[in-house]
Amino acid sequence: MKKLLVASILAAAPPVVAAAQDPVKIGFISTFSGPSGGLGQELLDGFKLGLKTLDNKLGGRPVELIQGDDEANPDVGRQIADKMIERDRVHIITGINYSNVLLALAKPVLDSGTFIVNVNAGPSQYAGRLCHPHFFSVSFQNDTSAEAMGIYLQRRDLKRIYLMAPNYPAGKDFLKGFKRYFKGEVVGEIYTAFGQLDYAAEIAQLRDKKPDALFFFYPGGMGINFVKQYSQAGLKADVPMYAPSFSLDQTVLPAIGDAATGAFAATHWSERFDNPKSKAFVADFEKEHGRIPSPNAAQAYDGAFIINAALEAIGGRIEDKAAFRKALEDVEFDSLRGSFRFNTNHYPIQDFYLVEIVKDAKGRPVMGMRGVIVRDHADSYAKDCKMPAAAD
């Protein structure tokens, strides 16, 4: 009987060891081409730097990173996700920078039992009524930085604000979030075509309204063109610009240049953060890539550490979906942002800051810290989340 027992144990041991050495498969879907190609690259560079810092292991297991370019097209993103699930058998999908792409692929990914641990897009739908046990946002909920700026401008007692954003889910979330806390008069609310690059007509309409300030959200190439054209129109002095950081960060600032100086943004992280881990990250990223990182890169870097911390807590057993989900919900890690925890809807609770675009010692535009706007800010949709029981 003893020999039989020993033989049974030895027979069972090799698969366990093999499973521990199998890679954690991560599908990284983002925009790597077209006017928004820089957004996906920034996210990927931040995530890869996180993996490099962790010796290219998550929870002690090697990592297989599988890339896909969604071309900022929801249909393309959905097709890539399907392939990653069916052919590559990925454990996690991440990387998506546009909310319309994420909304197109989220249901089939989640229906397959695969986790989404996303590092950028944070649509309101999955923060509220569509919240899901396998959906985690390690970045933000779209409304929250706009809410922070609404809080700030309400405190300043500005009376008349003009709003602009692209006509897609994130654009609507951002302006809705701003209006949730700003109680003054909105003298214009303009949604332009997604991907639009010429704003002459819209800027002329804004000038006619003579608002006290402009709040806008334009990421990637849209933001570069909009801020340049706004400055060229001579409006900066008369109608100051306020935005979420995604329209005034290092994904766009090098291309915008001086046109952005003097504008203000609300952000959950800045390259000027003074905590030791953030300073080390900025130095390592600049050494690796020859440029200053954006909040996108910082979110993605944090994302790698969040996944690692959750897997370390369960001995790397990502196949145990219930254990992995619980470990993510309770995750503790040293965030670049300092303050970070998941809310009951699996979206972050975090601090938001006011920054002004200034030049650093090398003459580069950066987000200069101007103070805290709000501490431990949770999104407004968590109350609508009735987290379903997980079918792990």
Protein backbone atom coordinates (compact mmCIF):
# COMPACT_ATOMS: atom_id res chain seq x y z
CA MET A 1 0.00 0.00 0.00
CA LYS A 2 2.88 2.38 0.83
CA LYS A 3 4.51 1.72 -2.55
CA LEU A 4 1.20 2.30 -4.28
CA LEU A 5 0.68 5.60 -2.41
CA VAL A 6 4.20 6.83 -3.29
CA ALA A 7 3.68 5.87 -6.92
CA SER A 8 0.40 7.77 -7.00
CA ILE A 9 2.03 10.91 -5.56
CA LEU A 10 4.91 10.77 -8.05
CA ALA A 11 2.51 10.25 -10.92
CA ALA A 12 0.55 13.33 -9.90
CA ALA A 13 3.59 15.57 -9.33
CA PRO A 14 4.81 16.25 -12.93
CA PRO A 15 1.58 17.95 -14.16
CA VAL A 16 1.60 20.26 -11.13
CA VAL A 17 5.21 21.28 -11.77
CA ALA A 18 4.52 21.66 -15.48
CA ALA A 19 1.49 23.84 -14.82
CA ALA A 20 3.57 26.10 -12.58
CA GLN A 21 6.06 26.62 -15.43
CA ASP A 22 3.45 27.24 -18.13
CA PRO A 23 3.36 30.92 -19.12
CA VAL A 24 0.72 33.37 -18.07
CA LYS A 25 -0.79 34.31 -21.43
CA ILE A 26 -1.78 37.96 -21.83
CA GLY A 27 -3.49 39.39 -24.90
CA PHE A 28 -2.52 43.06 -25.33
CA ILE A 29 -4.99 44.75 -27.69
CA SER A 30 -4.43 48.43 -28.38
CA THR A 31 -4.15 51.04 -31.13
CA PHE A 32 -0.73 50.90 -32.75
CA SER A 33 -1.44 52.54 -36.12
CA GLY A 34 -2.98 55.75 -37.42
CA PRO A 35 -3.23 59.10 -35.58
CA SER A 36 -3.75 57.32 -32.24
CA GLY A 37 -0.93 54.82 -32.65
CA GLY A 38 1.15 56.53 -30.00
CA LEU A 39 -1.47 55.77 -27.34
CA GLY A 40 -1.16 52.03 -27.73
CA GLN A 41 2.62 52.18 -27.86
CA GLU A 42 2.72 54.21 -24.66
CA LEU A 43 0.57 51.63 -22.88
CA LEU A 44 2.62 48.74 -24.22
CA ASP A 45 5.93 50.38 -23.27
CA GLY A 46 4.69 50.99 -19.72
CA PHE A 47 3.42 47.42 -19.36
CA LYS A 48 6.63 45.92 -20.77
CA LEU A 49 8.74 48.03 -18.42
CA GLY A 50 6.67 46.69 -15.53
CA LEU A 51 7.29 43.14 -16.73
CA LYS A 52 11.01 43.85 -17.13
CA THR A 53 11.18 45.19 -13.57
CA LEU A 54 9.52 41.93 -12.46
CA ASP A 55 12.10 39.82 -14.39
CA ASN A 56 9.44 39.06 -17.00
CA LYS A 57 7.48 36.93 -14.58
CA LEU A 58 4.05 37.27 -13.01
CA GLY A 59 3.43 35.35 -9.82
CA GLY A 60 6.66 33.47 -10.43
CA ARG A 61 5.58 32.26 -13.88
CA PRO A 62 6.95 33.30 -17.28
CA VAL A 63 4.80 35.61 -19.41
CA GLU A 64 3.68 35.21 -23.01
CA LEU A 65 2.56 38.61 -24.33
CA ILE A 66 0.48 38.49 -27.50
CA GLN A 67 -0.09 41.81 -29.30
CA GLY A 68 -2.93 42.98 -31.52
CA ASP A 69 -3.56 46.31 -33.30
CA ASP A 70 -7.23 47.25 -33.10
CA GLU A 71 -6.69 50.23 -35.47
CA ALA A 72 -9.12 52.20 -33.23
CA ASN A 73 -11.86 50.08 -34.86
CA PRO A 74 -14.33 48.20 -32.60
CA ASP A 75 -14.90 45.45 -35.19
CA VAL A 76 -11.17 44.83 -35.57
CA GLY A 77 -10.72 44.77 -31.78
CA ARG A 78 -13.51 42.19 -31.45
CA GLN A 79 -11.94 39.95 -34.13
CA ILE A 80 -8.53 40.08 -32.45
CA ALA A 81 -10.04 39.24 -29.05
CA ASP A 82 -11.88 36.25 -30.54
CA LYS A 83 -8.62 34.90 -31.98
CA MET A 84 -6.73 35.42 -28.73
CA ILE A 85 -9.38 33.50 -26.80
CA GLU A 86 -9.96 30.66 -29.26
CA ARG A 87 -6.47 30.18 -30.73
CA ASP A 88 -4.06 31.51 -28.09
CA ARG A 89 -6.09 30.60 -24.98
CA VAL A 90 -5.08 33.80 -23.18
CA HIS A 91 -5.81 34.15 -19.48
CA ILE A 92 -6.13 37.96 -19.52
CA ILE A 93 -7.04 40.63 -22.08
CA THR A 94 -5.63 44.13 -21.46
CA GLY A 95 -4.29 47.23 -23.22
CA ILE A 96 -7.43 48.68 -24.80
CA ASN A 97 -7.19 52.45 -25.05
CA TYR A 98 -10.57 53.35 -26.60
CA SER A 99 -13.88 52.73 -24.84
CA ASN A 100 -15.78 51.94 -28.06
CA VAL A 101 -13.32 49.12 -28.77
CA LEU A 102 -13.54 47.81 -25.21
CA LEU A 103 -17.35 47.83 -25.30
CA ALA A 104 -17.30 45.84 -28.54
CA LEU A 105 -15.14 43.03 -27.22
CA ALA A 106 -15.91 42.90 -23.48
CA LYS A 107 -19.01 40.67 -23.54
CA PRO A 108 -17.57 37.84 -25.66
CA VAL A 109 -14.32 37.93 -23.68
CA LEU A 110 -16.13 37.79 -20.35
CA ASP A 111 -18.60 35.18 -21.59
CA SER A 112 -15.61 32.95 -22.38
CA GLY A 113 -14.44 33.13 -18.75
CA THR A 114 -11.40 35.21 -19.66
CA PHE A 115 -10.39 38.11 -17.41
CA ILE A 116 -10.22 41.71 -18.56
CA VAL A 117 -7.69 43.58 -16.43
CA ASN A 118 -7.56 46.76 -18.46
CA VAL A 119 -4.98 49.53 -18.22
CA ASN A 120 -6.73 52.43 -19.94
CA ALA A 121 -10.33 52.69 -21.20
CA GLY A 122 -12.85 52.85 -18.35
CA PRO A 123 -16.39 52.96 -19.77
CA SER A 124 -19.26 53.76 -17.44
CA GLN A 125 -21.29 50.71 -18.49
CA TYR A 126 -18.94 48.22 -16.79
CA ALA A 127 -18.64 50.40 -13.72
CA GLY A 128 -22.40 50.22 -13.17
CA ARG A 129 -25.11 47.96 -14.51
CA LEU A 130 -22.78 45.71 -16.54
CA CYS A 131 -20.18 45.22 -13.80
CA HIS A 132 -18.70 41.74 -13.96
CA PRO A 133 -16.65 39.51 -11.63
CA HIS A 134 -13.93 39.12 -14.28
CA PHE A 135 -13.75 42.80 -15.34
CA PHE A 136 -11.19 45.03 -13.58
CA SER A 137 -10.06 48.54 -14.55
CA VAL A 138 -6.65 49.43 -13.14
CA SER A 139 -6.67 52.91 -14.66
CA PHE A 140 -9.80 55.01 -14.00
CA GLN A 141 -13.48 55.27 -14.78
CA ASN A 142 -13.86 57.70 -17.66
CA ASP A 143 -15.93 60.26 -15.74
CA THR A 144 -13.62 60.62 -12.76
CA SER A 145 -10.89 63.00 -13.95
CA ALA A 146 -13.59 65.16 -15.54
CA GLU A 147 -15.49 65.07 -12.24
CA ALA A 148 -12.33 66.25 -10.49
CA MET A 149 -12.03 69.20 -12.88
CA GLY A 150 -15.72 69.97 -12.38
CA ILE A 151 -15.07 70.04 -8.63
CA TYR A 152 -12.12 72.39 -9.10
CA LEU A 153 -13.87 74.84 -11.44
CA GLN A 154 -16.96 74.87 -9.22
CA ARG A 155 -14.72 75.92 -6.31
CA ARG A 156 -13.33 78.71 -8.49
CA ASP A 157 -16.89 79.89 -9.02
CA LEU A 158 -16.57 80.21 -12.80
CA LYS A 159 -19.96 81.01 -14.32
CA ARG A 160 -19.92 80.08 -18.03
CA ILE A 161 -18.15 77.00 -19.42
CA TYR A 162 -17.88 75.63 -22.95
CA LEU A 163 -17.56 71.84 -23.41
CA MET A 164 -16.05 69.86 -26.30
CA ALA A 165 -15.33 66.16 -26.89
CA PRO A 166 -15.42 63.54 -29.65
CA ASN A 167 -18.72 61.79 -30.24
CA TYR A 168 -18.01 58.33 -28.82
CA PRO A 169 -18.60 56.64 -25.42
CA ALA A 170 -15.61 58.11 -23.58
CA GLY A 171 -16.33 61.62 -24.87
CA LYS A 172 -19.86 61.42 -23.52
CA ASP A 173 -18.65 59.98 -20.21
CA PHE A 174 -16.13 62.79 -19.73
CA LEU A 175 -18.58 65.62 -20.34
CA LYS A 176 -21.26 63.94 -18.24
CA GLY A 177 -18.75 63.58 -15.41
CA PHE A 178 -17.80 67.25 -15.60
CA LYS A 179 -21.43 68.39 -15.47
CA ARG A 180 -22.09 66.15 -12.47
CA TYR A 181 -20.04 68.51 -10.26
CA PHE A 182 -19.94 71.82 -12.15
CA LYS A 183 -23.15 73.72 -11.47
CA GLY A 184 -22.54 76.88 -13.49
CA GLU A 185 -23.91 77.58 -16.96
CA VAL A 186 -22.80 75.35 -19.86
CA VAL A 187 -22.97 77.76 -22.80
CA GLY A 188 -22.04 75.14 -25.39
CA GLU A 189 -21.70 71.35 -25.47
CA ILE A 190 -20.18 70.18 -28.74
CA TYR A 191 -19.51 66.59 -29.83
CA THR A 192 -17.28 66.40 -32.89
CA ALA A 193 -16.73 63.40 -35.16
CA PHE A 194 -14.44 60.71 -33.74
CA GLY A 195 -11.08 61.11 -35.48
CA GLN A 196 -11.79 64.68 -36.66
CA LEU A 197 -8.61 66.73 -37.11
CA ASP A 198 -9.87 70.16 -38.28
CA TYR A 199 -11.66 72.26 -35.66
CA ALA A 200 -11.78 75.70 -37.30
CA ALA A 201 -15.58 75.85 -37.44
CA GLU A 202 -16.04 74.67 -33.85
CA ILE A 203 -13.41 77.13 -32.54
CA ALA A 204 -15.22 79.98 -34.31
CA GLN A 205 -18.48 78.95 -32.61
CA LEU A 206 -16.74 78.87 -29.24
CA ARG A 207 -15.31 82.37 -29.77
CA ASP A 208 -18.79 83.74 -30.41
CA LYS A 209 -20.07 82.37 -27.08
CA LYS A 210 -17.34 84.17 -25.05
CA PRO A 211 -17.22 81.61 -22.21
CA ASP A 212 -15.14 82.02 -19.05
CA ALA A 213 -13.26 78.79 -19.78
CA LEU A 214 -13.16 75.70 -21.99
CA PHE A 215 -13.24 72.12 -20.74
CA PHE A 216 -12.33 69.63 -23.47
CA PHE A 217 -11.35 66.01 -24.00
CA TYR A 218 -9.42 65.06 -27.14
CA PRO A 219 -6.92 62.18 -26.98
CA GLY A 220 -4.14 61.32 -29.45
CA GLY A 221 -4.00 63.06 -32.82
CA MET A 222 -7.33 64.78 -32.16
CA GLY A 223 -5.85 66.50 -29.10
CA ILE A 224 -2.65 67.53 -30.87
CA ASN A 225 -4.54 69.24 -33.66
CA PHE A 226 -7.19 70.79 -31.44
CA VAL A 227 -4.79 72.45 -28.98
CA LYS A 228 -2.56 73.76 -31.77
CA GLN A 229 -5.50 75.21 -33.67
CA TYR A 230 -6.95 76.71 -30.49
CA SER A 231 -3.67 78.46 -29.74
CA GLN A 232 -3.29 79.64 -33.33
CA ALA A 233 -6.76 81.17 -33.11
CA GLY A 234 -5.48 83.39 -30.26
CA LEU A 235 -7.99 82.18 -27.68
CA LYS A 236 -5.64 80.96 -24.94
CA ALA A 237 -5.44 84.30 -23.14
CA ASP A 238 -9.18 85.00 -23.24
CA VAL A 239 -10.62 81.51 -22.73
CA PRO A 240 -8.28 79.33 -20.64
CA MET A 241 -8.17 75.57 -21.34
CA TYR A 242 -8.99 72.86 -18.81
CA ALA A 243 -8.98 69.14 -19.54
CA PRO A 244 -8.44 65.65 -18.18
CA SER A 245 -4.76 64.73 -18.35
CA PHE A 246 -5.31 62.44 -21.36
CA SER A 247 -5.61 65.53 -23.56
CA LEU A 248 -2.54 67.27 -22.09
CA ASP A 249 0.00 64.57 -21.22
CA GLN A 250 3.16 63.13 -22.74
CA THR A 251 1.22 61.23 -25.41
CA VAL A 252 0.51 64.61 -27.03
CA LEU A 253 2.65 67.31 -25.37
CA PRO A 254 5.86 66.76 -27.38
CA ALA A 255 3.88 67.26 -30.61
CA ILE A 256 1.84 70.19 -29.28
CA GLY A 257 4.81 72.09 -27.84
CA ASP A 258 4.38 75.67 -26.60
CA ALA A 259 0.70 75.78 -27.60
CA ALA A 260 -0.16 73.76 -24.48
CA THR A 261 1.68 75.85 -21.88
CA GLY A 262 -0.61 77.53 -19.38
CA ALA A 263 -3.40 74.97 -19.81
CA PHE A 264 -4.62 73.00 -16.77
CA ALA A 265 -5.53 69.36 -16.32
CA ALA A 266 -6.90 67.01 -13.69
CA THR A 267 -4.88 63.82 -13.28
CA HIS A 268 -4.37 60.80 -11.04
CA TRP A 269 -0.61 60.74 -11.81
CA SER A 270 2.02 63.15 -13.10
CA GLU A 271 5.61 62.67 -14.22
CA ARG A 272 6.40 65.22 -11.47
CA PHE A 273 5.19 62.96 -8.63
CA ASP A 274 7.70 62.95 -5.77
CA ASN A 275 7.29 59.44 -4.32
CA PRO A 276 10.39 57.18 -4.69
CA LYS A 277 8.76 54.49 -6.86
CA SER A 278 7.31 57.05 -9.27
CA LYS A 279 10.63 58.88 -9.60
CA ALA A 280 12.43 55.59 -10.30
CA PHE A 281 9.80 54.68 -12.91
CA VAL A 282 10.16 58.02 -14.71
CA ALA A 283 13.96 57.68 -14.77
CA ASP A 284 13.83 54.06 -15.99
CA PHE A 285 11.23 54.84 -18.67
CA GLU A 286 13.16 57.82 -20.00
CA LYS A 287 16.37 55.77 -20.08
CA GLU A 288 14.59 52.94 -21.91
CA HIS A 289 12.61 55.01 -24.42
CA GLY A 290 14.22 58.45 -24.57
CA ARG A 291 11.02 60.24 -23.61
CA ILE A 292 9.00 61.21 -20.52
CA PRO A 293 6.21 58.74 -19.63
CA SER A 294 2.54 59.68 -19.57
CA PRO A 295 -0.19 58.57 -17.15
CA ASN A 296 -1.01 55.89 -19.77
CA ALA A 297 2.42 54.33 -19.30
CA ALA A 298 2.15 54.66 -15.52
CA GLN A 299 -1.25 52.91 -15.48
CA ALA A 300 0.08 50.07 -17.60
CA TYR A 301 3.17 49.73 -15.39
CA ASP A 302 0.91 49.58 -12.33
CA GLY A 303 -1.21 47.02 -14.19
CA ALA A 304 1.70 44.60 -14.44
CA PHE A 305 2.34 44.98 -10.69
CA ILE A 306 -1.32 44.48 -9.82
CA ILE A 307 -1.49 41.21 -11.78
CA ASN A 308 1.79 40.09 -10.23
CA ALA A 309 0.68 40.88 -6.68
CA ALA A 310 -2.61 39.02 -7.15
CA LEU A 311 -0.86 35.97 -8.61
CA GLU A 312 1.82 35.96 -5.92
CA ALA A 313 -0.95 35.84 -3.31
CA ILE A 314 -2.27 32.58 -4.83
CA GLY A 315 1.01 30.95 -5.78
CA GLY A 316 0.70 31.81 -9.46
CA ARG A 317 -2.44 29.68 -9.94
CA ILE A 318 -4.16 31.80 -12.58
CA GLU A 319 -6.13 28.73 -13.68
CA ASP A 320 -7.99 28.98 -10.36
CA LYS A 321 -10.27 31.78 -11.53
CA ALA A 322 -12.12 32.18 -8.24
CA ALA A 323 -8.85 32.56 -6.32
CA PHE A 324 -7.46 35.00 -8.92
CA ARG A 325 -10.61 37.12 -8.85
CA LYS A 326 -10.57 37.31 -5.06
CA ALA A 327 -6.85 38.13 -5.05
CA LEU A 328 -7.44 41.01 -7.48
CA GLU A 329 -10.28 42.36 -5.35
CA ASP A 330 -8.05 42.37 -2.26
CA VAL A 331 -4.79 43.26 -4.02
CA GLU A 332 -2.14 45.27 -2.18
CA PHE A 333 0.81 46.70 -4.09
CA ASP A 334 3.08 49.74 -4.16
CA SER A 335 1.36 51.97 -6.74
CA LEU A 336 3.10 54.76 -8.65
CA ARG A 337 0.00 56.78 -7.77
CA GLY A 338 0.49 56.29 -4.04
CA SER A 339 -3.20 55.86 -3.21
CA PHE A 340 -5.04 53.05 -5.00
CA ARG A 341 -7.64 50.42 -4.16
CA PHE A 342 -10.46 48.70 -6.00
CA ASN A 343 -14.04 49.68 -5.29
CA THR A 344 -16.83 47.08 -5.13
CA ASN A 345 -17.35 47.51 -8.91
CA HIS A 346 -13.65 46.70 -9.62
CA TYR A 347 -12.81 50.29 -10.62
CA PRO A 348 -10.20 52.36 -8.73
CA ILE A 349 -10.65 54.65 -5.78
CA GLN A 350 -7.81 57.16 -6.04
CA ASP A 351 -6.68 60.77 -5.61
CA PHE A 352 -6.87 63.46 -8.30
CA TYR A 353 -4.58 66.47 -8.71
CA LEU A 354 -4.49 69.79 -10.53
CA VAL A 355 -1.54 70.25 -12.90
CA GLU A 356 -0.47 73.11 -15.14
CA ILE A 357 1.46 72.62 -18.36
CA VAL A 358 4.85 74.23 -17.84
CA LYS A 359 8.38 73.71 -19.19
CA ASP A 360 10.98 71.67 -17.35
CA ALA A 361 14.70 72.52 -17.07
CA LYS A 362 15.25 71.10 -20.57
CA GLY A 363 12.47 73.21 -22.07
CA ARG A 364 10.06 70.27 -22.45
CA PRO A 365 6.35 70.69 -21.66
CA VAL A 366 5.40 68.74 -18.52
CA MET A 367 2.54 68.53 -16.02
CA GLY A 368 3.60 70.78 -13.14
CA MET A 369 1.92 69.87 -9.85
CA ARG A 370 -0.43 72.50 -8.42
CA GLY A 371 -2.14 70.58 -5.60
CA VAL A 372 -4.73 67.99 -4.65
CA ILE A 373 -8.27 68.41 -5.95
CA VAL A 374 -9.92 65.45 -4.24
CA ARG A 375 -8.80 62.46 -2.16
CA ASP A 376 -10.09 58.88 -2.44
CA HIS A 377 -12.44 59.69 -5.30
CA ALA A 378 -14.76 56.87 -6.36
CA ASP A 379 -16.75 56.83 -9.59
CA SER A 380 -20.46 57.64 -9.61
CA TYR A 381 -21.62 54.30 -11.05
CA ALA A 382 -20.55 51.92 -8.27
CA LYS A 383 -23.97 52.30 -6.63
CA ASP A 384 -25.55 50.78 -9.76
CA CYS A 385 -23.27 47.73 -9.71
CA LYS A 386 -25.01 44.60 -8.49
CA MET A 387 -22.01 42.32 -8.86
CA PRO A 388 -23.30 38.98 -10.12
CA ALA A 389 -22.12 35.72 -8.66
CA ALA A 390 -19.03 34.53 -10.49
CA ALA A 391 -19.29 31.40 -12.60
CA ASP A 392 -15.63 30.61 -11.99
